[in-house]
Amino acid sequence: MTRSRASAKAAGTRHETSVAGYLAANIDDRIERRTRNGAKDRGDIAGLRAYAERVVVECKDYGGQIKAGTWLAEAEIERGNDDAVAALVVAKRRGTTNPGDQIVLMTLRDLVALMTGTRPEEV
C-alpha cells in the first residue's frame, strides 16, 4: 500500500511531535516541534542545544527507508540556515513508534561538534 500525500504528511507530523516530546521530557522542556519557516527551513525541532549552541534536528518517516546521504545534505543546509553548531536526522524505524528506539544519523563532523561544542574546520 502506498501513502497519499496527506497520510505521509500526517505520519511526518506524528513522528516530529513524538521526537520533540521525547527530547523535551529527557533533555530540556523548552524543546518543541518547530513551525514551518518557508524557504529557509531550519529543521523540525526547536530548542535543542549543546554547549549553549543550537542543534538542528530533521525528522524523517519514510516507512523504514533510510536515505542517509540525501537527508544529511538537507540537514546540513538547515544547519547553515539556523547558524547551528551541528545537525542530525532522526529517522523512523519500521515496526516501532517508541521515540527512544528511532535511528539518529549524523556526520562525524557533527558528532565532534556535539561532543566539544565547536564545529571542526572543513578539510
PDB file of N, CA and C in Angstrom:
ATOM      1  N   MET A   1       0.840  -1.178   0.000  1.00  0.00           N
ATOM      2  CA  MET A   1       0.000   0.000   0.000  1.00  0.00           C
ATOM      3  C   MET A   1       0.885   1.241   0.000  1.00  0.00           C
ATOM      4  N   THR A   2       0.641   2.157  -0.892  1.00  0.00           N
ATOM      5  CA  THR A   2       1.407   3.399  -0.942  1.00  0.00           C
ATOM      6  C   THR A   2       0.659   4.484  -0.164  1.00  0.00           C
ATOM      7  N   ARG A   3       1.427   5.436   0.289  1.00  0.00           N
ATOM      8  CA  ARG A   3       0.841   6.532   1.057  1.00  0.00           C
ATOM      9  C   ARG A   3       0.366   7.628   0.139  1.00  0.00           C
ATOM     10  N   SER A   4      -0.698   8.285   0.552  1.00  0.00           N
ATOM     11  CA  SER A   4      -1.107   9.514  -0.124  1.00  0.00           C
ATOM     12  C   SER A   4      -0.276  10.648   0.463  1.00  0.00           C
ATOM     13  N   ARG A   5      -0.290  11.769  -0.182  1.00  0.00           N
ATOM     14  CA  ARG A   5       0.448  12.927   0.331  1.00  0.00           C
ATOM     15  C   ARG A   5      -0.056  13.301   1.728  1.00  0.00           C
ATOM     16  N   ALA A   6      -1.371  13.246   1.917  1.00  0.00           N
ATOM     17  CA  ALA A   6      -1.961  13.608   3.207  1.00  0.00           C
ATOM     18  C   ALA A   6      -1.541  12.627   4.307  1.00  0.00           C
ATOM     19  N   SER A   7      -1.534  11.331   4.010  1.00  0.00           N
ATOM     20  CA  SER A   7      -1.161  10.360   5.046  1.00  0.00           C
ATOM     21  C   SER A   7       0.330  10.444   5.351  1.00  0.00           C
ATOM     22  N   ALA A   8       1.156  10.731   4.348  1.00  0.00           N
ATOM     23  CA  ALA A   8       2.599  10.897   4.576  1.00  0.00           C
ATOM     24  C   ALA A   8       2.857  12.124   5.446  1.00  0.00           C
ATOM     25  N   LYS A   9       2.141  13.192   5.171  1.00  0.00           N
ATOM     26  CA  LYS A   9       2.298  14.417   5.962  1.00  0.00           C
ATOM     27  C   LYS A   9       1.862  14.180   7.409  1.00  0.00           C
ATOM     28  N   ALA A  10       0.760  13.453   7.592  1.00  0.00           N
ATOM     29  CA  ALA A  10       0.276  13.148   8.942  1.00  0.00           C
ATOM     30  C   ALA A  10       1.280  12.271   9.691  1.00  0.00           C
ATOM     31  N   ALA A  11       1.870  11.293   9.007  1.00  0.00           N
ATOM     32  CA  ALA A  11       2.878  10.425   9.635  1.00  0.00           C
ATOM     33  C   ALA A  11       4.097  11.248  10.037  1.00  0.00           C
ATOM     34  N   GLY A  12       4.515  12.160   9.175  1.00  0.00           N
ATOM     35  CA  GLY A  12       5.653  13.020   9.485  1.00  0.00           C
ATOM     36  C   GLY A  12       5.379  13.906  10.693  1.00  0.00           C
ATOM     37  N   THR A  13       4.193  14.463  10.759  1.00  0.00           N
ATOM     38  CA  THR A  13       3.814  15.305  11.900  1.00  0.00           C
ATOM     39  C   THR A  13       3.811  14.499  13.190  1.00  0.00           C
ATOM     40  N   ARG A  14       3.260  13.276  13.150  1.00  0.00           N
ATOM     41  CA  ARG A  14       3.256  12.412  14.339  1.00  0.00           C
ATOM     42  C   ARG A  14       4.685  12.110  14.800  1.00  0.00           C
ATOM     43  N   HIS A  15       5.558  11.799  13.830  1.00  0.00           N
ATOM     44  CA  HIS A  15       6.955  11.481  14.158  1.00  0.00           C
ATOM     45  C   HIS A  15       7.651  12.691  14.769  1.00  0.00           C
ATOM     46  N   GLU A  16       7.500  13.860  14.175  1.00  0.00           N
ATOM     47  CA  GLU A  16       8.113  15.080  14.698  1.00  0.00           C
ATOM     48  C   GLU A  16       7.620  15.379  16.112  1.00  0.00           C
ATOM     49  N   THR A  17       6.320  15.253  16.331  1.00  0.00           N
ATOM     50  CA  THR A  17       5.732  15.516  17.644  1.00  0.00           C
ATOM     51  C   THR A  17       6.257  14.529  18.683  1.00  0.00           C
ATOM     52  N   SER A  18       6.372  13.273  18.296  1.00  0.00           N
ATOM     53  CA  SER A  18       6.886  12.234  19.182  1.00  0.00           C
ATOM     54  C   SER A  18       8.342  12.499  19.560  1.00  0.00           C
ATOM     55  N   VAL A  19       9.161  12.842  18.569  1.00  0.00           N
ATOM     56  CA  VAL A  19      10.583  13.131  18.817  1.00  0.00           C
ATOM     57  C   VAL A  19      10.715  14.362  19.711  1.00  0.00           C
ATOM     58  N   ALA A  20       9.965  15.414  19.413  1.00  0.00           N
ATOM     59  CA  ALA A  20      10.033  16.633  20.225  1.00  0.00           C
ATOM     60  C   ALA A  20       9.630  16.344  21.667  1.00  0.00           C
ATOM     61  N   GLY A  21       8.579  15.569  21.858  1.00  0.00           N
ATOM     62  CA  GLY A  21       8.128  15.224  23.202  1.00  0.00           C
ATOM     63  C   GLY A  21       9.169  14.422  23.966  1.00  0.00           C
ATOM     64  N   TYR A  22       9.796  13.474  23.294  1.00  0.00           N
ATOM     65  CA  TYR A  22      10.828  12.647  23.929  1.00  0.00           C
ATOM     66  C   TYR A  22      12.031  13.492  24.344  1.00  0.00           C
ATOM     67  N   LEU A  23      12.487  14.362  23.442  1.00  0.00           N
ATOM     68  CA  LEU A  23      13.631  15.224  23.761  1.00  0.00           C
ATOM     69  C   LEU A  23      13.291  16.196  24.886  1.00  0.00           C
ATOM     70  N   ALA A  24      12.069  16.744  24.862  1.00  0.00           N
ATOM     71  CA  ALA A  24      11.648  17.682  25.906  1.00  0.00           C
ATOM     72  C   ALA A  24      11.585  16.986  27.270  1.00  0.00           C
ATOM     73  N   ALA A  25      11.097  15.758  27.285  1.00  0.00           N
ATOM     74  CA  ALA A  25      10.969  15.025  28.547  1.00  0.00           C
ATOM     75  C   ALA A  25      12.321  14.587  29.109  1.00  0.00           C
ATOM     76  N   ASN A  26      13.299  14.379  28.234  1.00  0.00           N
ATOM     77  CA  ASN A  26      14.571  13.810  28.675  1.00  0.00           C
ATOM     78  C   ASN A  26      15.760  14.757  28.652  1.00  0.00           C
ATOM     79  N   ILE A  27      15.620  15.914  27.990  1.00  0.00           N
ATOM     80  CA  ILE A  27      16.754  16.844  27.892  1.00  0.00           C
ATOM     81  C   ILE A  27      16.400  18.227  28.426  1.00  0.00           C
ATOM     82  N   ASP A  28      15.376  18.854  27.827  1.00  0.00           N
ATOM     83  CA  ASP A  28      15.037  20.231  28.177  1.00  0.00           C
ATOM     84  C   ASP A  28      13.578  20.458  27.800  1.00  0.00           C
ATOM     85  N   ASP A  29      12.771  20.886  28.749  1.00  0.00           N
ATOM     86  CA  ASP A  29      11.339  21.027  28.478  1.00  0.00           C
ATOM     87  C   ASP A  29      11.004  22.190  27.538  1.00  0.00           C
ATOM     88  N   ARG A  30      11.998  22.955  27.117  1.00  0.00           N
ATOM     89  CA  ARG A  30      11.773  24.032  26.138  1.00  0.00           C
ATOM     90  C   ARG A  30      11.873  23.544  24.693  1.00  0.00           C
ATOM     91  N   ILE A  31      12.244  22.286  24.497  1.00  0.00           N
ATOM     92  CA  ILE A  31      12.331  21.716  23.151  1.00  0.00           C
ATOM     93  C   ILE A  31      10.918  21.485  22.637  1.00  0.00           C
ATOM     94  N   GLU A  32      10.688  21.868  21.372  1.00  0.00           N
ATOM     95  CA  GLU A  32       9.357  21.712  20.783  1.00  0.00           C
ATOM     96  C   GLU A  32       9.438  21.548  19.278  1.00  0.00           C
ATOM     97  N   ARG A  33       8.342  21.086  18.719  1.00  0.00           N
ATOM     98  CA  ARG A  33       8.247  20.959  17.264  1.00  0.00           C
ATOM     99  C   ARG A  33       8.225  22.369  16.681  1.00  0.00           C
ATOM    100  N   ARG A  34       9.051  22.584  15.682  1.00  0.00           N
ATOM    101  CA  ARG A  34       9.178  23.910  15.071  1.00  0.00           C
ATOM    102  C   ARG A  34       8.075  24.116  14.032  1.00  0.00           C
ATOM    103  N   THR A  35       7.523  25.313  13.993  1.00  0.00           N
ATOM    104  CA  THR A  35       6.566  25.644  12.949  1.00  0.00           C
ATOM    105  C   THR A  35       7.326  25.858  11.651  1.00  0.00           C
ATOM    106  N   ARG A  36       6.672  25.704  10.553  1.00  0.00           N
ATOM    107  CA  ARG A  36       7.308  25.838   9.236  1.00  0.00           C
ATOM    108  C   ARG A  36       7.870  27.233   9.034  1.00  0.00           C
ATOM    109  N   ASN A  37       9.036  27.309   8.355  1.00  0.00           N
ATOM    110  CA  ASN A  37       9.743  28.584   8.192  1.00  0.00           C
ATOM    111  C   ASN A  37       9.789  29.083   6.757  1.00  0.00           C
ATOM    112  N   GLY A  38       9.129  28.422   5.839  1.00  0.00           N
ATOM    113  CA  GLY A  38       9.187  28.859   4.453  1.00  0.00           C
ATOM    114  C   GLY A  38      10.431  28.350   3.752  1.00  0.00           C
ATOM    115  N   ALA A  39      11.020  29.179   2.909  1.00  0.00           N
ATOM    116  CA  ALA A  39      12.139  28.755   2.060  1.00  0.00           C
ATOM    117  C   ALA A  39      13.416  28.456   2.846  1.00  0.00           C
ATOM    118  N   LYS A  40      13.622  29.096   3.968  1.00  0.00           N
ATOM    119  CA  LYS A  40      14.852  28.914   4.771  1.00  0.00           C
ATOM    120  C   LYS A  40      14.568  27.967   5.934  1.00  0.00           C
ATOM    121  N   ASP A  41      14.307  26.700   5.611  1.00  0.00           N
ATOM    122  CA  ASP A  41      13.988  25.699   6.627  1.00  0.00           C
ATOM    123  C   ASP A  41      15.129  25.590   7.629  1.00  0.00           C
ATOM    124  N   ARG A  42      14.785  25.502   8.909  1.00  0.00           N
ATOM    125  CA  ARG A  42      15.779  25.411   9.980  1.00  0.00           C
ATOM    126  C   ARG A  42      15.604  24.144  10.811  1.00  0.00           C
ATOM    127  N   GLY A  43      15.013  23.116  10.213  1.00  0.00           N
ATOM    128  CA  GLY A  43      14.822  21.848  10.911  1.00  0.00           C
ATOM    129  C   GLY A  43      13.437  21.720  11.499  1.00  0.00           C
ATOM    130  N   ASP A  44      13.163  20.542  12.055  1.00  0.00           N
ATOM    131  CA  ASP A  44      11.825  20.227  12.545  1.00  0.00           C
ATOM    132  C   ASP A  44      11.647  20.427  14.044  1.00  0.00           C
ATOM    133  N   ILE A  45      12.741  20.499  14.788  1.00  0.00           N
ATOM    134  CA  ILE A  45      12.692  20.605  16.241  1.00  0.00           C
ATOM    135  C   ILE A  45      13.429  21.861  16.681  1.00  0.00           C
ATOM    136  N   ALA A  46      12.823  22.631  17.561  1.00  0.00           N
ATOM    137  CA  ALA A  46      13.439  23.856  18.084  1.00  0.00           C
ATOM    138  C   ALA A  46      13.816  23.662  19.544  1.00  0.00           C
ATOM    139  N   GLY A  47      14.885  24.298  19.968  1.00  0.00           N
ATOM    140  CA  GLY A  47      15.250  24.347  21.377  1.00  0.00           C
ATOM    141  C   GLY A  47      16.310  23.361  21.827  1.00  0.00           C
ATOM    142  N   LEU A  48      16.794  22.500  20.923  1.00  0.00           N
ATOM    143  CA  LEU A  48      17.854  21.574  21.305  1.00  0.00           C
ATOM    144  C   LEU A  48      19.191  22.303  21.216  1.00  0.00           C
ATOM    145  N   ARG A  49      19.980  22.191  22.291  1.00  0.00           N
ATOM    146  CA  ARG A  49      21.274  22.870  22.348  1.00  0.00           C
ATOM    147  C   ARG A  49      22.334  21.942  22.899  1.00  0.00           C
ATOM    148  N   ALA A  50      23.561  22.187  22.474  1.00  0.00           N
ATOM    149  CA  ALA A  50      24.736  21.514  23.021  1.00  0.00           C
ATOM    150  C   ALA A  50      25.769  22.597  23.288  1.00  0.00           C
ATOM    151  N   TYR A  51      26.264  22.661  24.508  1.00  0.00           N
ATOM    152  CA  TYR A  51      27.234  23.694  24.884  1.00  0.00           C
ATOM    153  C   TYR A  51      26.720  25.089  24.539  1.00  0.00           C
ATOM    154  N   ALA A  52      25.444  25.326  24.782  1.00  0.00           N
ATOM    155  CA  ALA A  52      24.768  26.606  24.525  1.00  0.00           C
ATOM    156  C   ALA A  52      24.677  26.960  23.043  1.00  0.00           C
ATOM    157  N   GLU A  53      24.958  26.019  22.164  1.00  0.00           N
ATOM    158  CA  GLU A  53      24.854  26.225  20.714  1.00  0.00           C
ATOM    159  C   GLU A  53      23.647  25.457  20.175  1.00  0.00           C
ATOM    160  N   ARG A  54      22.983  26.027  19.188  1.00  0.00           N
ATOM    161  CA  ARG A  54      21.821  25.363  18.582  1.00  0.00           C
ATOM    162  C   ARG A  54      22.221  24.101  17.830  1.00  0.00           C
ATOM    163  N   VAL A  55      21.331  23.106  17.872  1.00  0.00           N
ATOM    164  CA  VAL A  55      21.485  21.861  17.129  1.00  0.00           C
ATOM    165  C   VAL A  55      20.223  21.672  16.294  1.00  0.00           C
ATOM    166  N   VAL A  56      20.394  21.472  14.994  1.00  0.00           N
ATOM    167  CA  VAL A  56      19.271  21.250  14.089  1.00  0.00           C
ATOM    168  C   VAL A  56      18.893  19.774  14.118  1.00  0.00           C
ATOM    169  N   VAL A  57      17.588  19.502  14.215  1.00  0.00           N
ATOM    170  CA  VAL A  57      17.073  18.144  14.157  1.00  0.00           C
ATOM    171  C   VAL A  57      16.087  18.062  12.999  1.00  0.00           C
ATOM    172  N   GLU A  58      16.375  17.182  12.066  1.00  0.00           N
ATOM    173  CA  GLU A  58      15.491  16.922  10.923  1.00  0.00           C
ATOM    174  C   GLU A  58      14.877  15.539  11.152  1.00  0.00           C
ATOM    175  N   CYS A  59      13.556  15.445  11.155  1.00  0.00           N
ATOM    176  CA  CYS A  59      12.854  14.180  11.383  1.00  0.00           C
ATOM    177  C   CYS A  59      12.363  13.617  10.056  1.00  0.00           C
ATOM    178  N   LYS A  60      12.528  12.302   9.879  1.00  0.00           N
ATOM    179  CA  LYS A  60      12.109  11.645   8.639  1.00  0.00           C
ATOM    180  C   LYS A  60      11.352  10.361   8.953  1.00  0.00           C
ATOM    181  N   ASP A  61      10.191  10.218   8.323  1.00  0.00           N
ATOM    182  CA  ASP A  61       9.411   8.981   8.406  1.00  0.00           C
ATOM    183  C   ASP A  61       9.108   8.541   6.980  1.00  0.00           C
ATOM    184  N   TYR A  62       9.940   7.652   6.457  1.00  0.00           N
ATOM    185  CA  TYR A  62       9.784   7.135   5.102  1.00  0.00           C
ATOM    186  C   TYR A  62       9.444   5.658   5.128  1.00  0.00           C
ATOM    187  N   GLY A  63       8.643   5.244   6.109  1.00  0.00           N
ATOM    188  CA  GLY A  63       8.211   3.858   6.188  1.00  0.00           C
ATOM    189  C   GLY A  63       9.354   2.878   6.379  1.00  0.00           C
ATOM    190  N   GLY A  64      10.375   3.285   7.093  1.00  0.00           N
ATOM    191  CA  GLY A  64      11.512   2.410   7.357  1.00  0.00           C
ATOM    192  C   GLY A  64      12.656   2.547   6.370  1.00  0.00           C
ATOM    193  N   GLN A  65      12.462   3.274   5.281  1.00  0.00           N
ATOM    194  CA  GLN A  65      13.556   3.504   4.327  1.00  0.00           C
ATOM    195  C   GLN A  65      14.539   4.523   4.917  1.00  0.00           C
ATOM    196  N   ILE A  66      15.816   4.312   4.645  1.00  0.00           N
ATOM    197  CA  ILE A  66      16.850   5.247   5.101  1.00  0.00           C
ATOM    198  C   ILE A  66      17.537   5.834   3.871  1.00  0.00           C
ATOM    199  N   LYS A  67      17.516   7.141   3.761  1.00  0.00           N
ATOM    200  CA  LYS A  67      18.152   7.857   2.645  1.00  0.00           C
ATOM    201  C   LYS A  67      19.197   8.795   3.230  1.00  0.00           C
ATOM    202  N   ALA A  68      20.226   8.179   3.813  1.00  0.00           N
ATOM    203  CA  ALA A  68      21.198   8.915   4.624  1.00  0.00           C
ATOM    204  C   ALA A  68      21.816  10.100   3.906  1.00  0.00           C
ATOM    205  N   GLY A  69      22.367   9.899   2.726  1.00  0.00           N
ATOM    206  CA  GLY A  69      23.059  10.987   2.029  1.00  0.00           C
ATOM    207  C   GLY A  69      22.155  12.167   1.748  1.00  0.00           C
ATOM    208  N   THR A  70      20.976  11.897   1.236  1.00  0.00           N
ATOM    209  CA  THR A  70      20.014  12.954   0.916  1.00  0.00           C
ATOM    210  C   THR A  70      19.591  13.698   2.172  1.00  0.00           C
ATOM    211  N   TRP A  71      19.279  12.953   3.215  1.00  0.00           N
ATOM    212  CA  TRP A  71      18.797  13.579   4.447  1.00  0.00           C
ATOM    213  C   TRP A  71      19.891  14.360   5.152  1.00  0.00           C
ATOM    214  N   LEU A  72      21.116  13.843   5.170  1.00  0.00           N
ATOM    215  CA  LEU A  72      22.211  14.572   5.817  1.00  0.00           C
ATOM    216  C   LEU A  72      22.527  15.855   5.065  1.00  0.00           C
ATOM    217  N   ALA A  73      22.432  15.830   3.743  1.00  0.00           N
ATOM    218  CA  ALA A  73      22.647  17.051   2.952  1.00  0.00           C
ATOM    219  C   ALA A  73      21.573  18.085   3.278  1.00  0.00           C
ATOM    220  N   GLU A  74      20.333  17.643   3.410  1.00  0.00           N
ATOM    221  CA  GLU A  74      19.236  18.542   3.774  1.00  0.00           C
ATOM    222  C   GLU A  74      19.463  19.131   5.172  1.00  0.00           C
ATOM    223  N   ALA A  75      19.852  18.279   6.114  1.00  0.00           N
ATOM    224  CA  ALA A  75      20.098  18.740   7.479  1.00  0.00           C
ATOM    225  C   ALA A  75      21.253  19.756   7.525  1.00  0.00           C
ATOM    226  N   GLU A  76      22.265  19.549   6.689  1.00  0.00           N
ATOM    227  CA  GLU A  76      23.403  20.484   6.647  1.00  0.00           C
ATOM    228  C   GLU A  76      22.952  21.852   6.143  1.00  0.00           C
ATOM    229  N   ILE A  77      22.090  21.900   5.143  1.00  0.00           N
ATOM    230  CA  ILE A  77      21.555  23.180   4.659  1.00  0.00           C
ATOM    231  C   ILE A  77      20.783  23.872   5.778  1.00  0.00           C
ATOM    232  N   GLU A  78      19.965  23.100   6.484  1.00  0.00           N
ATOM    233  CA  GLU A  78      19.170  23.657   7.573  1.00  0.00           C
ATOM    234  C   GLU A  78      20.064  24.129   8.721  1.00  0.00           C
ATOM    235  N   ARG A  79      21.163  23.409   8.982  1.00  0.00           N
ATOM    236  CA  ARG A  79      22.125  23.836   9.997  1.00  0.00           C
ATOM    237  C   ARG A  79      22.664  25.218   9.649  1.00  0.00           C
ATOM    238  N   GLY A  80      23.026  25.403   8.386  1.00  0.00           N
ATOM    239  CA  GLY A  80      23.507  26.710   7.946  1.00  0.00           C
ATOM    240  C   GLY A  80      22.442  27.786   8.077  1.00  0.00           C
ATOM    241  N   ASN A  81      21.196  27.459   7.707  1.00  0.00           N
ATOM    242  CA  ASN A  81      20.092  28.423   7.823  1.00  0.00           C
ATOM    243  C   ASN A  81      19.874  28.844   9.273  1.00  0.00           C
ATOM    244  N   ASP A  82      20.113  27.935  10.216  1.00  0.00           N
ATOM    245  CA  ASP A  82      19.866  28.202  11.633  1.00  0.00           C
ATOM    246  C   ASP A  82      21.126  28.667  12.362  1.00  0.00           C
ATOM    247  N   ASP A  83      22.258  28.716  11.667  1.00  0.00           N
ATOM    248  CA  ASP A  83      23.544  29.058  12.280  1.00  0.00           C
ATOM    249  C   ASP A  83      23.810  28.167  13.495  1.00  0.00           C
ATOM    250  N   ALA A  84      23.539  26.863  13.315  1.00  0.00           N
ATOM    251  CA  ALA A  84      23.679  25.882  14.393  1.00  0.00           C
ATOM    252  C   ALA A  84      25.063  25.240  14.345  1.00  0.00           C
ATOM    253  N   VAL A  85      25.488  24.663  15.458  1.00  0.00           N
ATOM    254  CA  VAL A  85      26.793  24.009  15.536  1.00  0.00           C
ATOM    255  C   VAL A  85      26.758  22.618  14.909  1.00  0.00           C
ATOM    256  N   ALA A  86      25.597  21.961  14.922  1.00  0.00           N
ATOM    257  CA  ALA A  86      25.505  20.586  14.419  1.00  0.00           C
ATOM    258  C   ALA A  86      24.098  20.320  13.894  1.00  0.00           C
ATOM    259  N   ALA A  87      23.995  19.267  13.093  1.00  0.00           N
ATOM    260  CA  ALA A  87      22.702  18.830  12.569  1.00  0.00           C
ATOM    261  C   ALA A  87      22.629  17.316  12.670  1.00  0.00           C
ATOM    262  N   LEU A  88      21.436  16.830  12.947  1.00  0.00           N
ATOM    263  CA  LEU A  88      21.229  15.389  12.955  1.00  0.00           C
ATOM    264  C   LEU A  88      19.862  15.064  12.392  1.00  0.00           C
ATOM    265  N   VAL A  89      19.715  13.816  11.967  1.00  0.00           N
ATOM    266  CA  VAL A  89      18.467  13.326  11.405  1.00  0.00           C
ATOM    267  C   VAL A  89      17.946  12.230  12.321  1.00  0.00           C
ATOM    268  N   VAL A  90      16.673  12.313  12.686  1.00  0.00           N
ATOM    269  CA  VAL A  90      16.023  11.239  13.436  1.00  0.00           C
ATOM    270  C   VAL A  90      15.099  10.531  12.459  1.00  0.00           C
ATOM    271  N   ALA A  91      15.466   9.298  12.110  1.00  0.00           N
ATOM    272  CA  ALA A  91      14.718   8.512  11.122  1.00  0.00           C
ATOM    273  C   ALA A  91      13.834   7.500  11.836  1.00  0.00           C
ATOM    274  N   LYS A  92      12.588   7.430  11.405  1.00  0.00           N
ATOM    275  CA  LYS A  92      11.622   6.492  11.984  1.00  0.00           C
ATOM    276  C   LYS A  92      11.970   5.072  11.592  1.00  0.00           C
ATOM    277  N   ARG A  93      12.062   4.193  12.596  1.00  0.00           N
ATOM    278  CA  ARG A  93      12.280   2.763  12.349  1.00  0.00           C
ATOM    279  C   ARG A  93      10.949   2.076  12.103  1.00  0.00           C
ATOM    280  N   ARG A  94      10.941   1.218  11.145  1.00  0.00           N
ATOM    281  CA  ARG A  94       9.739   0.438  10.870  1.00  0.00           C
ATOM    282  C   ARG A  94       9.474  -0.519  12.035  1.00  0.00           C
ATOM    283  N   GLY A  95       8.221  -0.628  12.430  1.00  0.00           N
ATOM    284  CA  GLY A  95       7.835  -1.593  13.442  1.00  0.00           C
ATOM    285  C   GLY A  95       7.832  -1.081  14.868  1.00  0.00           C
ATOM    286  N   THR A  96       8.240   0.163  15.085  1.00  0.00           N
ATOM    287  CA  THR A  96       8.196   0.715  16.441  1.00  0.00           C
ATOM    288  C   THR A  96       7.866   2.202  16.387  1.00  0.00           C
ATOM    289  N   THR A  97       6.993   2.610  17.282  1.00  0.00           N
ATOM    290  CA  THR A  97       6.670   4.029  17.401  1.00  0.00           C
ATOM    291  C   THR A  97       7.329   4.647  18.626  1.00  0.00           C
ATOM    292  N   ASN A  98       8.039   3.841  19.421  1.00  0.00           N
ATOM    293  CA  ASN A  98       8.713   4.350  20.606  1.00  0.00           C
ATOM    294  C   ASN A  98       9.788   5.341  20.163  1.00  0.00           C
ATOM    295  N   PRO A  99       9.689   6.607  20.564  1.00  0.00           N
ATOM    296  CA  PRO A  99      10.663   7.590  20.094  1.00  0.00           C
ATOM    297  C   PRO A  99      12.102   7.273  20.496  1.00  0.00           C
ATOM    298  N   GLY A 100      12.298   6.633  21.628  1.00  0.00           N
ATOM    299  CA  GLY A 100      13.644   6.291  22.069  1.00  0.00           C
ATOM    300  C   GLY A 100      14.304   5.211  21.235  1.00  0.00           C
ATOM    301  N   ASP A 101      13.531   4.515  20.408  1.00  0.00           N
ATOM    302  CA  ASP A 101      14.058   3.446  19.557  1.00  0.00           C
ATOM    303  C   ASP A 101      14.357   3.888  18.132  1.00  0.00           C
ATOM    304  N   GLN A 102      14.180   5.167  17.831  1.00  0.00           N
ATOM    305  CA  GLN A 102      14.402   5.644  16.467  1.00  0.00           C
ATOM    306  C   GLN A 102      15.900   5.797  16.193  1.00  0.00           C
ATOM    307  N   ILE A 103      16.243   5.935  14.930  1.00  0.00           N
ATOM    308  CA  ILE A 103      17.641   5.973  14.492  1.00  0.00           C
ATOM    309  C   ILE A 103      18.099   7.418  14.341  1.00  0.00           C
ATOM    310  N   VAL A 104      19.315   7.714  14.809  1.00  0.00           N
ATOM    311  CA  VAL A 104      19.898   9.044  14.645  1.00  0.00           C
ATOM    312  C   VAL A 104      21.068   8.938  13.668  1.00  0.00           C
ATOM    313  N   LEU A 105      21.049   9.790  12.647  1.00  0.00           N
ATOM    314  CA  LEU A 105      22.119   9.852  11.648  1.00  0.00           C
ATOM    315  C   LEU A 105      22.795  11.217  11.744  1.00  0.00           C
ATOM    316  N   MET A 106      24.119  11.219  11.644  1.00  0.00           N
ATOM    317  CA  MET A 106      24.863  12.477  11.609  1.00  0.00           C
ATOM    318  C   MET A 106      26.234  12.214  10.998  1.00  0.00           C
ATOM    319  N   THR A 107      26.883  13.276  10.579  1.00  0.00           N
ATOM    320  CA  THR A 107      28.246  13.134  10.089  1.00  0.00           C
ATOM    321  C   THR A 107      29.202  13.100  11.279  1.00  0.00           C
ATOM    322  N   LEU A 108      30.407  12.654  11.030  1.00  0.00           N
ATOM    323  CA  LEU A 108      31.429  12.656  12.082  1.00  0.00           C
ATOM    324  C   LEU A 108      31.725  14.085  12.530  1.00  0.00           C
ATOM    325  N   ARG A 109      31.688  15.033  11.597  1.00  0.00           N
ATOM    326  CA  ARG A 109      31.902  16.449  11.933  1.00  0.00           C
ATOM    327  C   ARG A 109      30.838  16.908  12.930  1.00  0.00           C
ATOM    328  N   ASP A 110      29.575  16.483  12.709  1.00  0.00           N
ATOM    329  CA  ASP A 110      28.506  16.858  13.635  1.00  0.00           C
ATOM    330  C   ASP A 110      28.690  16.199  14.997  1.00  0.00           C
ATOM    331  N   LEU A 111      29.174  14.971  15.018  1.00  0.00           N
ATOM    332  CA  LEU A 111      29.438  14.300  16.287  1.00  0.00           C
ATOM    333  C   LEU A 111      30.509  15.053  17.086  1.00  0.00           C
ATOM    334  N   VAL A 112      31.573  15.470  16.420  1.00  0.00           N
ATOM    335  CA  VAL A 112      32.625  16.247  17.088  1.00  0.00           C
ATOM    336  C   VAL A 112      32.031  17.547  17.638  1.00  0.00           C
ATOM    337  N   ALA A 113      31.199  18.223  16.848  1.00  0.00           N
ATOM    338  CA  ALA A 113      30.575  19.473  17.289  1.00  0.00           C
ATOM    339  C   ALA A 113      29.692  19.238  18.517  1.00  0.00           C
ATOM    340  N   LEU A 114      28.938  18.143  18.526  1.00  0.00           N
ATOM    341  CA  LEU A 114      28.094  17.831  19.678  1.00  0.00           C
ATOM    342  C   LEU A 114      28.912  17.536  20.928  1.00  0.00           C
ATOM    343  N   MET A 115      30.024  16.849  20.749  1.00  0.00           N
ATOM    344  CA  MET A 115      30.838  16.432  21.893  1.00  0.00           C
ATOM    345  C   MET A 115      31.720  17.562  22.444  1.00  0.00           C
ATOM    346  N   THR A 116      32.079  18.518  21.587  1.00  0.00           N
ATOM    347  CA  THR A 116      33.012  19.567  22.010  1.00  0.00           C
ATOM    348  C   THR A 116      32.396  20.962  22.065  1.00  0.00           C
ATOM    349  N   GLY A 117      31.287  21.165  21.345  1.00  0.00           N
ATOM    350  CA  GLY A 117      30.678  22.476  21.264  1.00  0.00           C
ATOM    351  C   GLY A 117      31.293  23.353  20.192  1.00  0.00           C
ATOM    352  N   THR A 118      32.253  22.824  19.448  1.00  0.00           N
ATOM    353  CA  THR A 118      32.929  23.570  18.391  1.00  0.00           C
ATOM    354  C   THR A 118      32.896  22.766  17.112  1.00  0.00           C
ATOM    355  N   ARG A 119      32.498  23.406  16.042  1.00  0.00           N
ATOM    356  CA  ARG A 119      32.452  22.731  14.752  1.00  0.00           C
ATOM    357  C   ARG A 119      33.851  22.715  14.137  1.00  0.00           C
ATOM    358  N   PRO A 120      34.351  21.526  13.758  1.00  0.00           N
ATOM    359  CA  PRO A 120      35.690  21.462  13.157  1.00  0.00           C
ATOM    360  C   PRO A 120      35.712  22.126  11.769  1.00  0.00           C
ATOM    361  N   GLU A 121      36.873  22.580  11.407  1.00  0.00           N
ATOM    362  CA  GLU A 121      37.057  23.195  10.083  1.00  0.00           C
ATOM    363  C   GLU A 121      36.842  22.155   8.987  1.00  0.00           C
ATOM    364  N   GLU A 122      36.363  22.628   7.842  1.00  0.00           N
ATOM    365  CA  GLU A 122      36.233  21.763   6.667  1.00  0.00           C
ATOM    366  C   GLU A 122      37.631  21.402   6.177  1.00  0.00           C
ATOM    367  N   VAL A 123      37.824  20.177   5.750  1.00  0.00           N
ATOM    368  CA  VAL A 123      39.138  19.750   5.256  1.00  0.00           C
ATOM    369  C   VAL A 123      39.122  19.689   3.754  1.00  0.00           C
TER     370      VAL A 123
END
